[in-house]
Amino acid sequence: MKYVIDRIVGNIVVLEGYDDSRVEIDKARLPKGAKEGSSIEIGEDGVVRLFVDEERERRIAEKMRKVWR
């Protein structure tokens, strides 16, 4: 399942799913470089993977929306 890191509170990471679901995981499970706003996937094997390209595209799209308002 794919998620975006909504916020990090202490050792808890709040994830928002692409289907509007919310999940909390331990901060220790995050891959290196993950931060608020990062796109990640939790595989069926439980491994958390970071999607740098998706995050970059989402940030660019967000900036473009702000420019064209």
PDB file of N, CA and C in Angstrom:
ATOM      1  N   MET A   1       0.837  -1.179   0.000  1.00  0.00           N
ATOM      2  CA  MET A   1       0.000   0.000   0.000  1.00  0.00           C
ATOM      3  C   MET A   1       0.881   1.241   0.000  1.00  0.00           C
ATOM      4  N   LYS A   2       0.477   2.267  -0.736  1.00  0.00           N
ATOM      5  CA  LYS A   2       1.241   3.513  -0.811  1.00  0.00           C
ATOM      6  C   LYS A   2       0.665   4.546   0.148  1.00  0.00           C
ATOM      7  N   TYR A   3       1.590   5.303   0.756  1.00  0.00           N
ATOM      8  CA  TYR A   3       1.222   6.320   1.738  1.00  0.00           C
ATOM      9  C   TYR A   3       2.081   7.570   1.541  1.00  0.00           C
ATOM     10  N   VAL A   4       1.621   8.652   2.149  1.00  0.00           N
ATOM     11  CA  VAL A   4       2.408   9.868   2.281  1.00  0.00           C
ATOM     12  C   VAL A   4       2.594  10.086   3.776  1.00  0.00           C
ATOM     13  N   ILE A   5       3.804  10.480   4.178  1.00  0.00           N
ATOM     14  CA  ILE A   5       4.052  10.742   5.586  1.00  0.00           C
ATOM     15  C   ILE A   5       3.379  12.069   5.939  1.00  0.00           C
ATOM     16  N   ASP A   6       2.334  11.993   6.754  1.00  0.00           N
ATOM     17  CA  ASP A   6       1.572  13.171   7.144  1.00  0.00           C
ATOM     18  C   ASP A   6       2.325  13.971   8.195  1.00  0.00           C
ATOM     19  N   ARG A   7       2.785  13.279   9.236  1.00  0.00           N
ATOM     20  CA  ARG A   7       3.540  13.960  10.293  1.00  0.00           C
ATOM     21  C   ARG A   7       4.302  12.929  11.117  1.00  0.00           C
ATOM     22  N   ILE A   8       5.301  13.455  11.827  1.00  0.00           N
ATOM     23  CA  ILE A   8       6.115  12.631  12.717  1.00  0.00           C
ATOM     24  C   ILE A   8       5.999  13.252  14.104  1.00  0.00           C
ATOM     25  N   VAL A   9       5.518  12.462  15.061  1.00  0.00           N
ATOM     26  CA  VAL A   9       5.332  12.925  16.431  1.00  0.00           C
ATOM     27  C   VAL A   9       6.135  12.007  17.335  1.00  0.00           C
ATOM     28  N   GLY A  10       7.268  12.503  17.797  1.00  0.00           N
ATOM     29  CA  GLY A  10       8.143  11.664  18.616  1.00  0.00           C
ATOM     30  C   GLY A  10       8.632  10.479  17.808  1.00  0.00           C
ATOM     31  N   ASN A  11       8.343   9.270  18.277  1.00  0.00           N
ATOM     32  CA  ASN A  11       8.753   8.055  17.569  1.00  0.00           C
ATOM     33  C   ASN A  11       7.625   7.450  16.739  1.00  0.00           C
ATOM     34  N   ILE A  12       6.517   8.181  16.595  1.00  0.00           N
ATOM     35  CA  ILE A  12       5.371   7.699  15.832  1.00  0.00           C
ATOM     36  C   ILE A  12       5.265   8.477  14.523  1.00  0.00           C
ATOM     37  N   VAL A  13       5.048   7.749  13.439  1.00  0.00           N
ATOM     38  CA  VAL A  13       4.871   8.346  12.116  1.00  0.00           C
ATOM     39  C   VAL A  13       3.428   8.110  11.687  1.00  0.00           C
ATOM     40  N   VAL A  14       2.736   9.193  11.348  1.00  0.00           N
ATOM     41  CA  VAL A  14       1.353   9.101  10.891  1.00  0.00           C
ATOM     42  C   VAL A  14       1.369   9.129   9.364  1.00  0.00           C
ATOM     43  N   LEU A  15       0.817   8.069   8.769  1.00  0.00           N
ATOM     44  CA  LEU A  15       0.790   7.937   7.310  1.00  0.00           C
ATOM     45  C   LEU A  15      -0.628   8.129   6.806  1.00  0.00           C
ATOM     46  N   GLU A  16      -0.756   8.788   5.658  1.00  0.00           N
ATOM     47  CA  GLU A  16      -2.050   8.936   5.010  1.00  0.00           C
ATOM     48  C   GLU A  16      -2.007   8.160   3.707  1.00  0.00           C
ATOM     49  N   GLY A  17      -2.927   7.212   3.571  1.00  0.00           N
ATOM     50  CA  GLY A  17      -2.973   6.383   2.375  1.00  0.00           C
ATOM     51  C   GLY A  17      -3.579   7.116   1.200  1.00  0.00           C
ATOM     52  N   TYR A  18      -3.294   6.648   0.014  1.00  0.00           N
ATOM     53  CA  TYR A  18      -3.860   7.233  -1.197  1.00  0.00           C
ATOM     54  C   TYR A  18      -5.373   7.037  -1.235  1.00  0.00           C
ATOM     55  N   ASP A  19      -5.884   6.138  -0.386  1.00  0.00           N
ATOM     56  CA  ASP A  19      -7.328   5.908  -0.279  1.00  0.00           C
ATOM     57  C   ASP A  19      -7.914   6.608   0.952  1.00  0.00           C
ATOM     58  N   ASP A  20      -7.182   7.599   1.492  1.00  0.00           N
ATOM     59  CA  ASP A  20      -7.571   8.398   2.667  1.00  0.00           C
ATOM     60  C   ASP A  20      -7.535   7.633   3.983  1.00  0.00           C
ATOM     61  N   SER A  21      -6.959   6.434   4.000  1.00  0.00           N
ATOM     62  CA  SER A  21      -6.802   5.698   5.255  1.00  0.00           C
ATOM     63  C   SER A  21      -5.640   6.308   6.046  1.00  0.00           C
ATOM     64  N   ARG A  22      -5.593   6.044   7.332  1.00  0.00           N
ATOM     65  CA  ARG A  22      -4.503   6.524   8.188  1.00  0.00           C
ATOM     66  C   ARG A  22      -3.910   5.338   8.935  1.00  0.00           C
ATOM     67  N   VAL A  23      -2.581   5.351   9.028  1.00  0.00           N
ATOM     68  CA  VAL A  23      -1.845   4.277   9.696  1.00  0.00           C
ATOM     69  C   VAL A  23      -0.734   4.922  10.509  1.00  0.00           C
ATOM     70  N   GLU A  24      -0.414   4.339  11.648  1.00  0.00           N
ATOM     71  CA  GLU A  24       0.710   4.790  12.461  1.00  0.00           C
ATOM     72  C   GLU A  24       1.753   3.679  12.507  1.00  0.00           C
ATOM     73  N   ILE A  25       3.023   4.076  12.310  1.00  0.00           N
ATOM     74  CA  ILE A  25       4.124   3.112  12.407  1.00  0.00           C
ATOM     75  C   ILE A  25       5.229   3.719  13.267  1.00  0.00           C
ATOM     76  N   ASP A  26       6.148   2.887  13.697  1.00  0.00           N
ATOM     77  CA  ASP A  26       7.292   3.332  14.481  1.00  0.00           C
ATOM     78  C   ASP A  26       8.291   4.040  13.559  1.00  0.00           C
ATOM     79  N   LYS A  27       8.850   5.135  14.017  1.00  0.00           N
ATOM     80  CA  LYS A  27       9.809   5.926  13.232  1.00  0.00           C
ATOM     81  C   LYS A  27      11.017   5.090  12.809  1.00  0.00           C
ATOM     82  N   ALA A  28      11.403   4.109  13.605  1.00  0.00           N
ATOM     83  CA  ALA A  28      12.560   3.265  13.304  1.00  0.00           C
ATOM     84  C   ALA A  28      12.370   2.475  12.009  1.00  0.00           C
ATOM     85  N   ARG A  29      11.134   2.301  11.553  1.00  0.00           N
ATOM     86  CA  ARG A  29      10.860   1.534  10.327  1.00  0.00           C
ATOM     87  C   ARG A  29      11.077   2.359   9.060  1.00  0.00           C
ATOM     88  N   LEU A  30      11.188   3.698   9.202  1.00  0.00           N
ATOM     89  CA  LEU A  30      11.332   4.543   8.015  1.00  0.00           C
ATOM     90  C   LEU A  30      12.683   4.350   7.347  1.00  0.00           C
ATOM     91  N   PRO A  31      12.706   4.357   6.020  1.00  0.00           N
ATOM     92  CA  PRO A  31      13.986   4.298   5.324  1.00  0.00           C
ATOM     93  C   PRO A  31      14.728   5.633   5.446  1.00  0.00           C
ATOM     94  N   LYS A  32      16.017   5.593   5.276  1.00  0.00           N
ATOM     95  CA  LYS A  32      16.843   6.794   5.347  1.00  0.00           C
ATOM     96  C   LYS A  32      16.360   7.812   4.317  1.00  0.00           C
ATOM     97  N   GLY A  33      16.258   9.064   4.740  1.00  0.00           N
ATOM     98  CA  GLY A  33      15.837  10.132   3.841  1.00  0.00           C
ATOM     99  C   GLY A  33      14.345  10.409   3.851  1.00  0.00           C
ATOM    100  N   ALA A  34      13.563   9.575   4.506  1.00  0.00           N
ATOM    101  CA  ALA A  34      12.112   9.780   4.573  1.00  0.00           C
ATOM    102  C   ALA A  34      11.813  10.903   5.554  1.00  0.00           C
ATOM    103  N   LYS A  35      10.856  11.770   5.183  1.00  0.00           N
ATOM    104  CA  LYS A  35      10.462  12.889   6.033  1.00  0.00           C
ATOM    105  C   LYS A  35       9.005  13.219   5.749  1.00  0.00           C
ATOM    106  N   GLU A  36       8.452  14.194   6.469  1.00  0.00           N
ATOM    107  CA  GLU A  36       7.069  14.598   6.240  1.00  0.00           C
ATOM    108  C   GLU A  36       6.887  14.959   4.777  1.00  0.00           C
ATOM    109  N   GLY A  37       5.832  14.424   4.172  1.00  0.00           N
ATOM    110  CA  GLY A  37       5.565  14.669   2.757  1.00  0.00           C
ATOM    111  C   GLY A  37       6.133  13.617   1.821  1.00  0.00           C
ATOM    112  N   SER A  38       6.987  12.729   2.333  1.00  0.00           N
ATOM    113  CA  SER A  38       7.582  11.687   1.499  1.00  0.00           C
ATOM    114  C   SER A  38       6.544  10.640   1.115  1.00  0.00           C
ATOM    115  N   SER A  39       6.684  10.097  -0.090  1.00  0.00           N
ATOM    116  CA  SER A  39       5.840   8.996  -0.555  1.00  0.00           C
ATOM    117  C   SER A  39       6.550   7.692  -0.233  1.00  0.00           C
ATOM    118  N   ILE A  40       5.818   6.776   0.407  1.00  0.00           N
ATOM    119  CA  ILE A  40       6.395   5.485   0.767  1.00  0.00           C
ATOM    120  C   ILE A  40       5.404   4.377   0.439  1.00  0.00           C
ATOM    121  N   GLU A  41       5.922   3.166   0.451  1.00  0.00           N
ATOM    122  CA  GLU A  41       5.086   1.984   0.268  1.00  0.00           C
ATOM    123  C   GLU A  41       5.449   0.982   1.346  1.00  0.00           C
ATOM    124  N   ILE A  42       4.445   0.357   1.912  1.00  0.00           N
ATOM    125  CA  ILE A  42       4.677  -0.745   2.840  1.00  0.00           C
ATOM    126  C   ILE A  42       4.296  -2.012   2.097  1.00  0.00           C
ATOM    127  N   GLY A  43       5.286  -2.829   1.812  1.00  0.00           N
ATOM    128  CA  GLY A  43       5.066  -4.056   1.060  1.00  0.00           C
ATOM    129  C   GLY A  43       4.396  -5.125   1.899  1.00  0.00           C
ATOM    130  N   GLU A  44       3.937  -6.172   1.227  1.00  0.00           N
ATOM    131  CA  GLU A  44       3.313  -7.296   1.934  1.00  0.00           C
ATOM    132  C   GLU A  44       4.296  -7.963   2.887  1.00  0.00           C
ATOM    133  N   ASP A  45       5.590  -7.774   2.605  1.00  0.00           N
ATOM    134  CA  ASP A  45       6.625  -8.325   3.480  1.00  0.00           C
ATOM    135  C   ASP A  45       6.904  -7.421   4.675  1.00  0.00           C
ATOM    136  N   GLY A  46       6.196  -6.251   4.750  1.00  0.00           N
ATOM    137  CA  GLY A  46       6.360  -5.329   5.860  1.00  0.00           C
ATOM    138  C   GLY A  46       7.479  -4.325   5.682  1.00  0.00           C
ATOM    139  N   VAL A  47       8.219  -4.430   4.579  1.00  0.00           N
ATOM    140  CA  VAL A  47       9.332  -3.524   4.317  1.00  0.00           C
ATOM    141  C   VAL A  47       8.786  -2.187   3.822  1.00  0.00           C
ATOM    142  N   VAL A  48       9.329  -1.089   4.375  1.00  0.00           N
ATOM    143  CA  VAL A  48       8.918   0.260   3.985  1.00  0.00           C
ATOM    144  C   VAL A  48       9.913   0.785   2.957  1.00  0.00           C
ATOM    145  N   ARG A  49       9.393   1.190   1.792  1.00  0.00           N
ATOM    146  CA  ARG A  49      10.243   1.687   0.696  1.00  0.00           C
ATOM    147  C   ARG A  49       9.893   3.139   0.397  1.00  0.00           C
ATOM    148  N   LEU A  50      10.906   3.926   0.088  1.00  0.00           N
ATOM    149  CA  LEU A  50      10.752   5.344  -0.232  1.00  0.00           C
ATOM    150  C   LEU A  50      10.659   5.526  -1.739  1.00  0.00           C
ATOM    151  N   PHE A  51       9.717   6.375  -2.199  1.00  0.00           N
ATOM    152  CA  PHE A  51       9.551   6.673  -3.614  1.00  0.00           C
ATOM    153  C   PHE A  51       9.947   8.121  -3.873  1.00  0.00           C
ATOM    154  N   VAL A  52      11.196   8.345  -4.213  1.00  0.00           N
ATOM    155  CA  VAL A  52      11.724   9.693  -4.408  1.00  0.00           C
ATOM    156  C   VAL A  52      11.086  10.357  -5.619  1.00  0.00           C
ATOM    157  N   ASP A  53      10.930   9.650  -6.739  1.00  0.00           N
ATOM    158  CA  ASP A  53      10.368  10.242  -7.950  1.00  0.00           C
ATOM    159  C   ASP A  53       8.928  10.693  -7.753  1.00  0.00           C
ATOM    160  N   GLU A  54       8.117   9.887  -7.088  1.00  0.00           N
ATOM    161  CA  GLU A  54       6.721  10.265  -6.837  1.00  0.00           C
ATOM    162  C   GLU A  54       6.647  11.496  -5.952  1.00  0.00           C
ATOM    163  N   GLU A  55       7.503  11.549  -4.953  1.00  0.00           N
ATOM    164  CA  GLU A  55       7.518  12.702  -4.049  1.00  0.00           C
ATOM    165  C   GLU A  55       7.888  13.961  -4.820  1.00  0.00           C
ATOM    166  N   ARG A  56       8.898  13.866  -5.651  1.00  0.00           N
ATOM    167  CA  ARG A  56       9.347  15.014  -6.450  1.00  0.00           C
ATOM    168  C   ARG A  56       8.231  15.490  -7.375  1.00  0.00           C
ATOM    169  N   GLU A  57       7.571  14.574  -8.055  1.00  0.00           N
ATOM    170  CA  GLU A  57       6.482  14.941  -8.968  1.00  0.00           C
ATOM    171  C   GLU A  57       5.327  15.589  -8.212  1.00  0.00           C
ATOM    172  N   ARG A  58       5.000  15.069  -7.045  1.00  0.00           N
ATOM    173  CA  ARG A  58       3.900  15.620  -6.255  1.00  0.00           C
ATOM    174  C   ARG A  58       4.223  17.033  -5.799  1.00  0.00           C
ATOM    175  N   ARG A  59       5.464  17.270  -5.366  1.00  0.00           N
ATOM    176  CA  ARG A  59       5.868  18.609  -4.926  1.00  0.00           C
ATOM    177  C   ARG A  59       5.859  19.606  -6.080  1.00  0.00           C
ATOM    178  N   ILE A  60       6.313  19.177  -7.237  1.00  0.00           N
ATOM    179  CA  ILE A  60       6.298  20.062  -8.411  1.00  0.00           C
ATOM    180  C   ILE A  60       4.863  20.411  -8.781  1.00  0.00           C
ATOM    181  N   ALA A  61       3.986  19.425  -8.796  1.00  0.00           N
ATOM    182  CA  ALA A  61       2.576  19.667  -9.133  1.00  0.00           C
ATOM    183  C   ALA A  61       1.943  20.627  -8.129  1.00  0.00           C
ATOM    184  N   GLU A  62       2.275  20.472  -6.861  1.00  0.00           N
ATOM    185  CA  GLU A  62       1.733  21.349  -5.823  1.00  0.00           C
ATOM    186  C   GLU A  62       2.216  22.787  -6.030  1.00  0.00           C
ATOM    187  N   LYS A  63       3.486  22.954  -6.350  1.00  0.00           N
ATOM    188  CA  LYS A  63       4.024  24.293  -6.605  1.00  0.00           C
ATOM    189  C   LYS A  63       3.377  24.923  -7.835  1.00  0.00           C
ATOM    190  N   MET A  64       3.153  24.121  -8.862  1.00  0.00           N
ATOM    191  CA  MET A  64       2.531  24.648 -10.079  1.00  0.00           C
ATOM    192  C   MET A  64       1.097  25.097  -9.808  1.00  0.00           C
ATOM    193  N   ARG A  65       0.367  24.358  -8.986  1.00  0.00           N
ATOM    194  CA  ARG A  65      -1.003  24.762  -8.638  1.00  0.00           C
ATOM    195  C   ARG A  65      -1.002  26.110  -7.931  1.00  0.00           C
ATOM    196  N   LYS A  66      -0.006  26.323  -7.044  1.00  0.00           N
ATOM    197  CA  LYS A  66       0.078  27.587  -6.336  1.00  0.00           C
ATOM    198  C   LYS A  66       0.409  28.732  -7.288  1.00  0.00           C
ATOM    199  N   VAL A  67       1.261  28.495  -8.251  1.00  0.00           N
ATOM    200  CA  VAL A  67       1.658  29.528  -9.210  1.00  0.00           C
ATOM    201  C   VAL A  67       0.479  29.946 -10.079  1.00  0.00           C
ATOM    202  N   TRP A  68      -0.345  28.990 -10.484  1.00  0.00           N
ATOM    203  CA  TRP A  68      -1.434  29.260 -11.436  1.00  0.00           C
ATOM    204  C   TRP A  68      -2.759  29.615 -10.777  1.00  0.00           C
ATOM    205  N   ARG A  69      -2.776  29.860  -9.491  1.00  0.00           N
ATOM    206  CA  ARG A  69      -4.025  30.270  -8.824  1.00  0.00           C
ATOM    207  C   ARG A  69      -4.371  31.688  -9.141  1.00  0.00           C
TER     208      ARG A  69
END
